[in-house]
Amino acid sequence: MNTSLFESAQNIRDFDDILHEVQGYISDKYALLITDDADRQKDQIKAYITKYLMDYSLAVEDMSHDDLVVALYCEMAEYSFLTKYLFRNDIEEINVNSWNDIKVTYSTGEVIPINEHFNSPSHAVDVMRRLLHKSGMILDSSQPIVVGHLSEKIRITVLGQGVIDNNVGVAVSIRIVNPRKLEKEDFIKHETANEEMLDFLSLTHRYGESMCLTGATSSGKTTLMSWILSTLPDNKRIYTIENGTREFNLVKRNEKNEVINNVIHTITRHSDDPRQNITMAKLLETGLTVNPDYICVAEMKSEEAFFAQEAARTGHGVTTTIHASSCISTYYRMVTLCKQRYDMAERTLYNLVTEAFPIVAFCKRLEDNSRHIMEITECCIDEDGNREIKTLYKFNITDSKTIDGKQKIIGHYEKASDISENMQKRLLENGMPKHFLFRFLSPVRIDDREVK
């Protein structure tokens, strides 16, 4: 193709006008485009677009021929300008506040407005309907709030007319599961935690301690939990439970594409018929019958909290996340959720959840968009049943500075105390080598007499 010939064309038009013409042209050719090969169909559509542009010398000011072909294809067959953001590996969220106000959250935590926007409120609605169509969901006046997915890694929540102003078009949150698997070195590099804290979470879970990662939305809970689960031995069976769409991908394969670990991924299924509804609680009940070594409840939001603590108290290693504002408030949040299943005394439920989840890690995204594990606690239970929430590790903030025009939170990680003798004993009973355990004890405690 001679791009220079195209670029010399004089027929400069508005993008919308060209789009309308090309759509009509492609619709006439649609029967010729039907193929089981998606890549071939994409190439054919682009070839027809290119031919039409060349035949009529069509161009858009300040847009190259190749860019125009891609933009027209994305507008007609994909998701407008959003397409190039949806499938990147460095983006976590796309938030549409209005048809002309879109912001992207990158994996670094930065939130940056993008230059592109929809042509109008109705254009924004059309594109969102196209996105939701993939999961069979419909956005209309009778259903102005819709939750759907584009793939198992992209979850979409759309608010339409009726719950937002008409001139906004739509308000949307698109959550993208970062396809890049973060390693321990990545967390250390981004100062999410120090090495000892990460080893503590990984190894204590490996040797039987259940834990809850807590914090607000986008604080890094799920990413951290995914890494912790990825460090479990390949011969241990992992059973994961997620709500509606699957974010985890813990299956490992060797160079021959053979599965080398032992994982069952499950998701809930909503149905208008209560008998066909498969909830997280139902999946948890089922999970106990498939002989898992570890159970992951992606997020506790309702009565599944009661079944999760039951699983943790019956010998399974359970990891989960929850929305709470601190380690201590996590337990009270669990109590509130458990009461949705059984209206038991709050003190009784508090005793159950603190026994079930002795370790809690509080994650937070700070003002400079950095993510940190702010605190790791242990719930220590003495022989009389008394509880003490003890801080093991914490992030101490010492200052906030402006560096190169950007705010930077200054702080450091600190080890506050050792794990209890009861937890030391449990870890040794569950097979943790002493040299691993000693890594989490202060030098004065590293003595065989102290590890009973």
Protein backbone atom coordinates (compact mmCIF):
# COMPACT_ATOMS: atom_id res chain seq x y z
CA MET A 1 0.00 0.00 0.00
CA ASN A 2 1.31 3.44 -0.88
CA THR A 3 0.39 5.46 2.21
CA SER A 4 1.85 8.65 0.78
CA LEU A 5 -0.74 8.63 -2.03
CA PHE A 6 -3.49 8.45 0.55
CA GLU A 7 -1.99 11.20 2.66
CA SER A 8 -1.96 13.52 -0.33
CA ALA A 9 -5.75 13.22 -0.72
CA GLN A 10 -7.69 16.45 -0.57
CA ASN A 11 -11.02 15.06 0.57
CA ILE A 12 -10.71 15.99 4.27
CA ARG A 13 -13.84 15.05 6.20
CA ASP A 14 -15.08 14.72 9.78
CA PHE A 15 -14.47 11.32 11.36
CA ASP A 16 -18.18 10.79 12.09
CA ASP A 17 -19.12 11.42 8.44
CA ILE A 18 -16.56 8.92 7.20
CA LEU A 19 -17.60 6.40 9.84
CA HIS A 20 -21.23 6.61 8.71
CA GLU A 21 -20.25 6.03 5.07
CA VAL A 22 -17.88 3.17 5.81
CA GLN A 23 -20.44 1.46 8.05
CA GLY A 24 -22.92 1.46 5.18
CA TYR A 25 -20.30 0.09 2.82
CA ILE A 26 -19.22 -2.67 5.21
CA SER A 27 -22.82 -3.70 5.91
CA ASP A 28 -23.25 -4.44 2.17
CA LYS A 29 -20.19 -6.67 2.33
CA TYR A 30 -21.08 -8.36 5.62
CA ALA A 31 -22.10 -11.70 4.11
CA LEU A 32 -18.64 -11.98 2.58
CA LEU A 33 -17.03 -11.37 5.95
CA ILE A 34 -18.64 -14.28 7.83
CA THR A 35 -15.87 -16.68 8.84
CA ASP A 36 -14.97 -18.88 11.77
CA ASP A 37 -11.49 -17.34 11.80
CA ALA A 38 -11.70 -14.17 13.92
CA ASP A 39 -8.27 -12.93 12.82
CA ARG A 40 -9.13 -13.46 9.18
CA GLN A 41 -12.44 -11.62 9.60
CA LYS A 42 -10.63 -8.72 11.25
CA ASP A 43 -8.15 -8.55 8.38
CA GLN A 44 -10.99 -8.62 5.82
CA ILE A 45 -12.87 -5.79 7.50
CA LYS A 46 -9.73 -3.66 7.64
CA ALA A 47 -9.03 -4.43 3.99
CA TYR A 48 -12.53 -3.23 2.98
CA ILE A 49 -12.11 -0.08 5.09
CA THR A 50 -8.77 0.63 3.44
CA LYS A 51 -10.22 0.11 -0.05
CA TYR A 52 -13.12 2.49 0.59
CA LEU A 53 -10.84 5.19 1.96
CA MET A 54 -8.48 4.86 -0.99
CA ASP A 55 -11.25 4.76 -3.61
CA TYR A 56 -12.78 8.01 -2.37
CA SER A 57 -9.55 9.67 -1.15
CA LEU A 58 -11.02 10.12 2.32
CA ALA A 59 -8.98 11.48 5.18
CA VAL A 60 -9.35 13.10 8.59
CA GLU A 61 -7.24 16.08 9.51
CA ASP A 62 -4.26 15.28 11.77
CA MET A 63 -4.86 11.52 11.45
CA SER A 64 -2.67 9.17 9.42
CA HIS A 65 -4.16 6.57 7.10
CA ASP A 66 -3.21 3.67 9.39
CA ASP A 67 -4.61 5.42 12.46
CA LEU A 68 -7.85 6.15 10.63
CA VAL A 69 -8.27 2.51 9.58
CA VAL A 70 -7.71 1.33 13.16
CA ALA A 71 -10.07 3.97 14.59
CA LEU A 72 -12.83 3.06 12.13
CA TYR A 73 -12.41 -0.65 12.80
CA CYS A 74 -12.50 -0.15 16.59
CA GLU A 75 -15.59 2.04 16.29
CA MET A 76 -17.45 -0.46 14.12
CA ALA A 77 -16.31 -3.87 15.35
CA GLU A 78 -14.85 -3.26 18.78
CA TYR A 79 -15.18 -0.70 21.56
CA SER A 80 -14.17 2.65 20.12
CA PHE A 81 -11.04 4.22 21.62
CA LEU A 82 -11.44 2.08 24.76
CA THR A 83 -10.16 -0.96 22.86
CA LYS A 84 -6.52 0.06 23.09
CA TYR A 85 -6.80 0.48 26.88
CA LEU A 86 -8.84 -2.64 27.62
CA PHE A 87 -6.16 -5.13 26.63
CA ARG A 88 -3.01 -3.48 27.94
CA ASN A 89 -1.08 -5.19 30.71
CA ASP A 90 -0.29 -2.05 32.72
CA ILE A 91 -3.85 -0.83 33.39
CA GLU A 92 -6.08 -1.84 36.30
CA GLU A 93 -9.15 0.36 35.90
CA ILE A 94 -10.93 2.58 33.39
CA ASN A 95 -13.39 4.96 35.02
CA VAL A 96 -15.90 6.87 32.93
CA ASN A 97 -17.39 9.72 34.96
CA SER A 98 -19.11 11.20 31.91
CA TRP A 99 -18.99 10.79 28.14
CA ASN A 100 -16.19 13.38 28.02
CA ASP A 101 -14.42 12.58 31.33
CA ILE A 102 -12.45 9.32 31.37
CA LYS A 103 -9.62 8.43 33.73
CA VAL A 104 -7.29 5.44 33.73
CA THR A 105 -5.68 3.80 36.77
CA TYR A 106 -2.32 2.24 35.97
CA SER A 107 -0.70 -0.65 37.82
CA THR A 108 1.68 1.85 39.41
CA GLY A 109 -1.32 3.42 41.16
CA GLU A 110 -1.28 6.58 39.02
CA VAL A 111 -4.68 7.92 37.98
CA ILE A 112 -4.38 9.84 34.69
CA PRO A 113 -7.09 11.51 32.55
CA ILE A 114 -6.94 10.43 28.90
CA ASN A 115 -7.27 12.78 25.93
CA GLU A 116 -9.88 10.72 24.09
CA HIS A 117 -13.57 10.85 24.85
CA PHE A 118 -16.86 9.75 23.32
CA ASN A 119 -18.49 11.93 20.69
CA SER A 120 -21.67 12.42 22.71
CA PRO A 121 -23.66 10.92 25.61
CA SER A 122 -25.49 8.63 23.18
CA HIS A 123 -22.20 7.43 21.69
CA ALA A 124 -21.00 6.48 25.18
CA VAL A 125 -24.23 4.54 25.77
CA ASP A 126 -23.84 2.69 22.44
CA VAL A 127 -20.29 1.58 23.22
CA MET A 128 -21.23 0.41 26.72
CA ARG A 129 -24.14 -1.60 25.35
CA ARG A 130 -21.67 -3.22 22.98
CA LEU A 131 -19.39 -4.11 25.90
CA LEU A 132 -22.25 -5.51 27.99
CA HIS A 133 -23.61 -7.53 25.07
CA LYS A 134 -20.62 -9.84 25.44
CA SER A 135 -22.01 -11.09 28.77
CA GLY A 136 -25.64 -11.04 27.64
CA MET A 137 -26.55 -7.99 29.71
CA ILE A 138 -28.83 -5.18 28.53
CA LEU A 139 -28.65 -1.52 29.55
CA ASP A 140 -31.99 0.30 29.17
CA SER A 141 -34.48 2.43 31.09
CA SER A 142 -35.86 -0.59 32.93
CA GLN A 143 -32.39 -1.74 33.95
CA PRO A 144 -30.19 1.35 34.47
CA ILE A 145 -27.63 -0.43 36.69
CA VAL A 146 -25.86 -3.36 35.05
CA VAL A 147 -22.88 -5.48 36.07
CA GLY A 148 -21.32 -7.59 33.34
CA HIS A 149 -17.99 -8.73 31.97
CA LEU A 150 -16.09 -8.58 28.71
CA SER A 151 -13.94 -11.56 29.58
CA GLU A 152 -12.99 -13.46 32.70
CA LYS A 153 -10.46 -10.71 33.38
CA ILE A 154 -12.58 -7.61 32.68
CA ARG A 155 -15.52 -6.69 34.93
CA ILE A 156 -17.86 -3.83 34.01
CA THR A 157 -20.30 -1.85 36.17
CA VAL A 158 -22.48 0.62 34.26
CA LEU A 159 -24.85 3.30 35.59
CA GLY A 160 -27.24 4.63 32.95
CA GLN A 161 -30.00 7.18 32.57
CA GLY A 162 -32.44 7.12 35.44
CA VAL A 163 -29.77 7.06 38.13
CA ILE A 164 -27.43 9.68 36.62
CA ASP A 165 -27.95 12.96 34.74
CA ASN A 166 -29.02 12.59 31.11
CA ASN A 167 -26.21 14.79 29.81
CA VAL A 168 -23.63 12.45 31.36
CA GLY A 169 -24.51 9.48 29.13
CA VAL A 170 -23.11 6.74 31.36
CA ALA A 171 -20.93 6.36 34.43
CA VAL A 172 -18.77 3.27 34.23
CA SER A 173 -16.16 1.37 36.22
CA ILE A 174 -14.17 -1.17 34.23
CA ARG A 175 -11.96 -3.36 36.43
CA ILE A 176 -9.16 -5.12 34.58
CA VAL A 177 -7.27 -7.97 36.20
CA ASN A 178 -3.63 -7.21 35.57
CA PRO A 179 -2.34 -10.06 33.38
CA ARG A 180 1.19 -9.55 34.62
CA LYS A 181 1.90 -11.87 37.53
CA LEU A 182 3.72 -9.88 40.18
CA GLU A 183 6.64 -11.51 41.93
CA LYS A 184 8.02 -10.83 45.39
CA GLU A 185 10.63 -8.53 43.89
CA ASP A 186 7.87 -6.38 42.34
CA PHE A 187 6.19 -5.81 45.70
CA ILE A 188 9.54 -4.91 47.26
CA LYS A 189 10.43 -2.58 44.37
CA HIS A 190 7.11 -0.74 44.68
CA GLU A 191 7.52 -0.66 48.49
CA THR A 192 4.26 -2.52 49.04
CA ALA A 193 6.04 -4.42 51.82
CA ASN A 194 9.51 -5.53 52.80
CA GLU A 195 10.89 -9.01 52.18
CA GLU A 196 10.33 -10.32 55.70
CA MET A 197 6.65 -9.29 55.67
CA LEU A 198 6.04 -11.01 52.34
CA ASP A 199 7.84 -14.17 53.47
CA PHE A 200 5.82 -14.11 56.68
CA LEU A 201 2.48 -14.02 54.84
CA SER A 202 3.55 -16.64 52.32
CA LEU A 203 5.12 -19.13 54.72
CA THR A 204 2.61 -18.87 57.55
CA HIS A 205 -0.18 -19.57 55.07
CA ARG A 206 1.85 -22.40 53.56
CA TYR A 207 2.04 -23.97 57.02
CA GLY A 208 -1.62 -23.74 57.93
CA GLU A 209 -2.45 -20.24 59.19
CA SER A 210 -5.59 -18.68 57.70
CA MET A 211 -5.52 -14.98 56.93
CA CYS A 212 -7.62 -12.07 55.75
CA LEU A 213 -6.34 -9.22 53.61
CA THR A 214 -8.35 -6.10 54.32
CA GLY A 215 -8.64 -2.58 52.93
CA ALA A 216 -10.58 -0.39 50.53
CA THR A 217 -11.18 -0.95 46.82
CA SER A 218 -7.95 -0.77 44.74
CA SER A 219 -5.73 -1.10 47.78
CA GLY A 220 -3.96 -4.14 46.29
CA LYS A 221 -5.62 -6.95 48.28
CA THR A 222 -6.43 -9.25 45.37
CA THR A 223 -3.03 -8.85 43.71
CA LEU A 224 -1.27 -9.66 46.97
CA MET A 225 -3.52 -12.66 47.65
CA SER A 226 -2.89 -14.00 44.15
CA TRP A 227 0.85 -13.92 44.80
CA ILE A 228 0.51 -15.63 48.19
CA LEU A 229 -1.51 -18.44 46.61
CA SER A 230 1.02 -18.78 43.78
CA THR A 231 3.72 -19.63 46.33
CA LEU A 232 1.89 -22.71 47.64
CA PRO A 233 3.40 -26.11 46.72
CA ASP A 234 2.20 -27.54 43.41
CA ASN A 235 1.03 -30.78 45.05
CA LYS A 236 -1.40 -28.95 47.37
CA ARG A 237 -5.00 -28.63 46.14
CA ILE A 238 -6.31 -25.06 45.94
CA TYR A 239 -10.04 -24.29 45.63
CA THR A 240 -10.91 -20.68 44.70
CA ILE A 241 -14.32 -19.00 44.88
CA GLU A 242 -15.09 -15.75 43.07
CA ASN A 243 -18.19 -13.68 42.54
CA GLY A 244 -19.46 -13.62 38.94
CA THR A 245 -16.17 -13.31 37.06
CA ARG A 246 -12.83 -15.01 37.50
CA GLU A 247 -9.82 -12.87 38.32
CA PHE A 248 -7.43 -15.53 39.55
CA ASN A 249 -5.40 -17.68 37.21
CA LEU A 250 -3.33 -19.96 39.40
CA VAL A 251 -2.95 -22.86 36.98
CA LYS A 252 0.72 -23.51 36.20
CA ARG A 253 1.97 -25.22 33.05
CA ASN A 254 5.35 -26.52 32.00
CA GLU A 255 7.05 -26.04 28.65
CA LYS A 256 4.94 -28.89 27.23
CA ASN A 257 1.75 -27.05 28.27
CA GLU A 258 1.02 -29.71 30.89
CA VAL A 259 -0.67 -28.63 34.13
CA ILE A 260 1.77 -29.10 36.99
CA ASN A 261 -0.23 -27.92 40.01
CA ASN A 262 -3.60 -28.73 41.55
CA VAL A 263 -6.22 -25.97 41.27
CA ILE A 264 -10.02 -25.71 41.01
CA HIS A 265 -11.38 -22.27 40.05
CA THR A 266 -15.10 -21.63 40.66
CA ILE A 267 -17.42 -18.66 40.19
CA THR A 268 -20.94 -17.87 41.35
CA ARG A 269 -23.94 -17.97 39.00
CA HIS A 270 -26.89 -15.64 39.37
CA SER A 271 -30.36 -16.75 38.36
CA ASP A 272 -33.80 -15.22 38.76
CA ASP A 273 -34.86 -18.66 39.94
CA PRO A 274 -33.57 -19.01 43.52
CA ARG A 275 -33.23 -22.76 43.03
CA GLN A 276 -30.74 -22.17 40.21
CA ASN A 277 -28.77 -19.50 42.08
CA ILE A 278 -25.23 -20.58 42.97
CA THR A 279 -23.86 -18.31 45.69
CA MET A 280 -20.43 -18.07 47.29
CA ALA A 281 -21.89 -19.76 50.37
CA LYS A 282 -23.04 -22.68 48.20
CA LEU A 283 -19.63 -22.96 46.55
CA LEU A 284 -17.99 -22.93 49.98
CA GLU A 285 -20.21 -25.76 51.19
CA THR A 286 -19.40 -27.70 48.03
CA GLY A 287 -15.71 -26.94 48.33
CA LEU A 288 -15.43 -28.76 51.63
CA THR A 289 -16.42 -31.99 49.86
CA VAL A 290 -13.69 -31.89 47.19
CA ASN A 291 -10.81 -32.34 49.63
CA PRO A 292 -8.98 -29.01 49.25
CA ASP A 293 -5.83 -28.17 51.18
CA TYR A 294 -6.40 -24.44 50.78
CA ILE A 295 -9.57 -22.46 50.12
CA CYS A 296 -9.58 -18.96 48.71
CA VAL A 297 -12.71 -16.84 49.08
CA ALA A 298 -11.94 -13.92 46.79
CA GLU A 299 -14.00 -11.42 48.76
CA MET A 300 -16.40 -11.74 51.68
CA LYS A 301 -19.46 -9.56 51.24
CA SER A 302 -22.29 -11.53 52.77
CA GLU A 303 -23.22 -14.75 54.56
CA GLU A 304 -20.31 -16.63 52.97
CA ALA A 305 -18.24 -15.14 55.81
CA PHE A 306 -19.84 -17.61 58.21
CA PHE A 307 -18.91 -20.61 56.04
CA ALA A 308 -15.41 -19.24 55.49
CA GLN A 309 -14.70 -19.06 59.21
CA GLU A 310 -16.18 -22.54 59.66
CA ALA A 311 -13.78 -23.88 56.99
CA ALA A 312 -10.83 -22.13 58.63
CA ARG A 313 -11.69 -23.57 62.05
CA THR A 314 -11.90 -27.12 60.70
CA GLY A 315 -8.28 -27.33 59.55
CA HIS A 316 -8.31 -25.79 56.07
CA GLY A 317 -5.97 -22.97 55.18
CA VAL A 318 -8.30 -20.14 54.11
CA THR A 319 -7.37 -16.83 52.50
CA THR A 320 -9.91 -14.12 51.86
CA THR A 321 -10.34 -10.37 51.49
CA ILE A 322 -12.81 -7.96 53.01
CA HIS A 323 -13.52 -4.24 52.97
CA ALA A 324 -12.55 -2.68 56.29
CA SER A 325 -10.61 0.32 57.53
CA SER A 326 -8.11 -1.42 59.84
CA CYS A 327 -7.01 -4.82 61.10
CA ILE A 328 -9.10 -4.56 64.25
CA SER A 329 -12.25 -3.38 62.45
CA THR A 330 -11.90 -6.37 60.10
CA TYR A 331 -13.14 -8.73 62.81
CA TYR A 332 -16.18 -6.58 63.55
CA ARG A 333 -16.95 -6.45 59.82
CA MET A 334 -16.77 -10.26 59.73
CA VAL A 335 -19.19 -10.46 62.65
CA THR A 336 -21.68 -8.25 60.80
CA LEU A 337 -21.48 -10.48 57.72
CA CYS A 338 -21.78 -13.71 59.71
CA LYS A 339 -24.98 -12.44 61.34
CA GLN A 340 -26.56 -12.38 57.87
CA ARG A 341 -26.48 -16.18 58.07
CA TYR A 342 -27.14 -16.83 61.76
CA ASP A 343 -28.30 -14.27 64.30
CA MET A 344 -25.88 -15.40 66.97
CA ALA A 345 -24.53 -13.32 69.85
CA GLU A 346 -21.87 -10.91 68.63
CA ARG A 347 -19.38 -12.04 71.29
CA THR A 348 -19.76 -15.65 70.15
CA LEU A 349 -19.20 -14.69 66.51
CA TYR A 350 -16.24 -12.49 67.45
CA ASN A 351 -14.63 -15.45 69.21
CA LEU A 352 -15.22 -17.62 66.14
CA VAL A 353 -13.76 -15.23 63.53
CA THR A 354 -10.72 -14.32 65.62
CA GLU A 355 -9.95 -18.02 66.04
CA ALA A 356 -10.53 -18.66 62.34
CA PHE A 357 -8.34 -15.84 60.99
CA PRO A 358 -5.44 -15.22 63.36
CA ILE A 359 -3.56 -13.13 60.77
CA VAL A 360 -4.93 -9.93 59.24
CA ALA A 361 -3.03 -7.66 56.84
CA PHE A 362 -4.35 -4.14 56.21
CA CYS A 363 -3.61 -2.77 52.72
CA LYS A 364 -4.03 0.86 51.74
CA ARG A 365 -3.52 3.10 48.74
CA LEU A 366 -2.06 6.35 50.03
CA GLU A 367 -2.49 9.91 48.80
CA ASP A 368 0.44 9.55 46.38
CA ASN A 369 -1.27 6.43 44.93
CA SER A 370 1.38 4.11 46.37
CA ARG A 371 0.10 0.87 47.88
CA HIS A 372 1.39 -0.39 51.21
CA ILE A 373 0.69 -3.10 53.73
CA MET A 374 0.09 -0.72 56.61
CA GLU A 375 -0.13 -3.33 59.34
CA ILE A 376 -0.04 -7.08 59.94
CA THR A 377 -1.60 -8.32 63.17
CA GLU A 378 -1.98 -11.58 65.04
CA CYS A 379 -4.95 -12.39 67.26
CA CYS A 380 -3.40 -14.11 70.27
CA ILE A 381 -5.71 -16.34 72.33
CA ASP A 382 -4.63 -17.48 75.79
CA GLU A 383 -5.76 -20.61 77.66
CA ASP A 384 -8.70 -18.73 79.21
CA GLY A 385 -9.95 -17.64 75.80
CA ASN A 386 -8.91 -14.01 76.19
CA ARG A 387 -8.07 -12.24 72.93
CA GLU A 388 -5.28 -9.72 72.21
CA ILE A 389 -4.75 -8.15 68.78
CA LYS A 390 -0.99 -7.71 68.50
CA THR A 391 0.77 -5.72 65.77
CA LEU A 392 3.58 -7.72 64.17
CA TYR A 393 4.62 -5.37 61.34
CA LYS A 394 3.63 -1.82 60.41
CA PHE A 395 4.39 0.99 57.98
CA ASN A 396 5.29 4.20 59.77
CA ILE A 397 4.65 7.41 57.82
CA THR A 398 7.13 10.14 58.72
CA ASP A 399 6.54 12.87 56.13
CA SER A 400 4.91 13.93 52.86
CA LYS A 401 6.97 15.78 50.25
CA THR A 402 6.56 17.16 46.74
CA ILE A 403 9.19 15.68 44.43
CA ASP A 404 9.27 16.69 40.73
CA GLY A 405 5.80 18.14 41.11
CA LYS A 406 4.34 14.94 42.57
CA GLN A 407 3.43 14.14 46.13
CA LYS A 408 5.51 11.44 47.80
CA ILE A 409 4.66 9.79 51.11
CA ILE A 410 7.79 9.10 53.15
CA GLY A 411 7.82 6.18 55.56
CA HIS A 412 9.48 2.93 56.57
CA TYR A 413 8.52 -0.59 57.64
CA GLU A 414 9.04 -1.71 61.20
CA LYS A 415 8.79 -5.02 63.00
CA ALA A 416 6.68 -4.37 66.10
CA SER A 417 6.65 -7.76 67.87
CA ASP A 418 7.16 -11.48 67.49
CA ILE A 419 4.44 -14.00 66.80
CA SER A 420 2.96 -15.70 69.86
CA GLU A 421 4.31 -18.95 71.27
CA ASN A 422 0.99 -20.60 70.37
CA MET A 423 1.47 -19.70 66.69
CA GLN A 424 5.10 -20.82 66.82
CA LYS A 425 3.92 -24.18 68.12
CA ARG A 426 1.22 -24.52 65.45
CA LEU A 427 3.66 -23.70 62.66
CA LEU A 428 6.17 -26.29 63.87
CA GLU A 429 3.41 -28.90 64.19
CA ASN A 430 2.37 -28.15 60.62
CA GLY A 431 5.87 -28.80 59.34
CA MET A 432 7.57 -25.39 59.21
CA PRO A 433 11.35 -25.89 59.51
CA LYS A 434 12.88 -24.08 62.48
CA HIS A 435 15.19 -22.01 60.27
CA PHE A 436 12.09 -20.57 58.56
CA LEU A 437 10.45 -19.83 61.89
CA PHE A 438 13.59 -18.15 63.25
CA ARG A 439 13.40 -15.60 60.41
CA PHE A 440 10.30 -14.13 62.07
CA LEU A 441 11.68 -14.00 65.61
CA SER A 442 13.86 -11.36 67.21
CA PRO A 443 17.45 -12.50 67.88
CA VAL A 444 16.81 -12.81 71.61
CA ARG A 445 14.05 -15.34 70.91
CA ILE A 446 16.11 -17.59 68.63
CA ASP A 447 16.75 -20.32 71.14
CA ASP A 448 15.35 -23.84 71.13
CA ARG A 449 14.05 -23.28 74.63
CA GLU A 450 11.91 -20.39 73.44
CA VAL A 451 10.24 -22.36 70.65
CA LYS A 452 8.15 -24.84 72.59
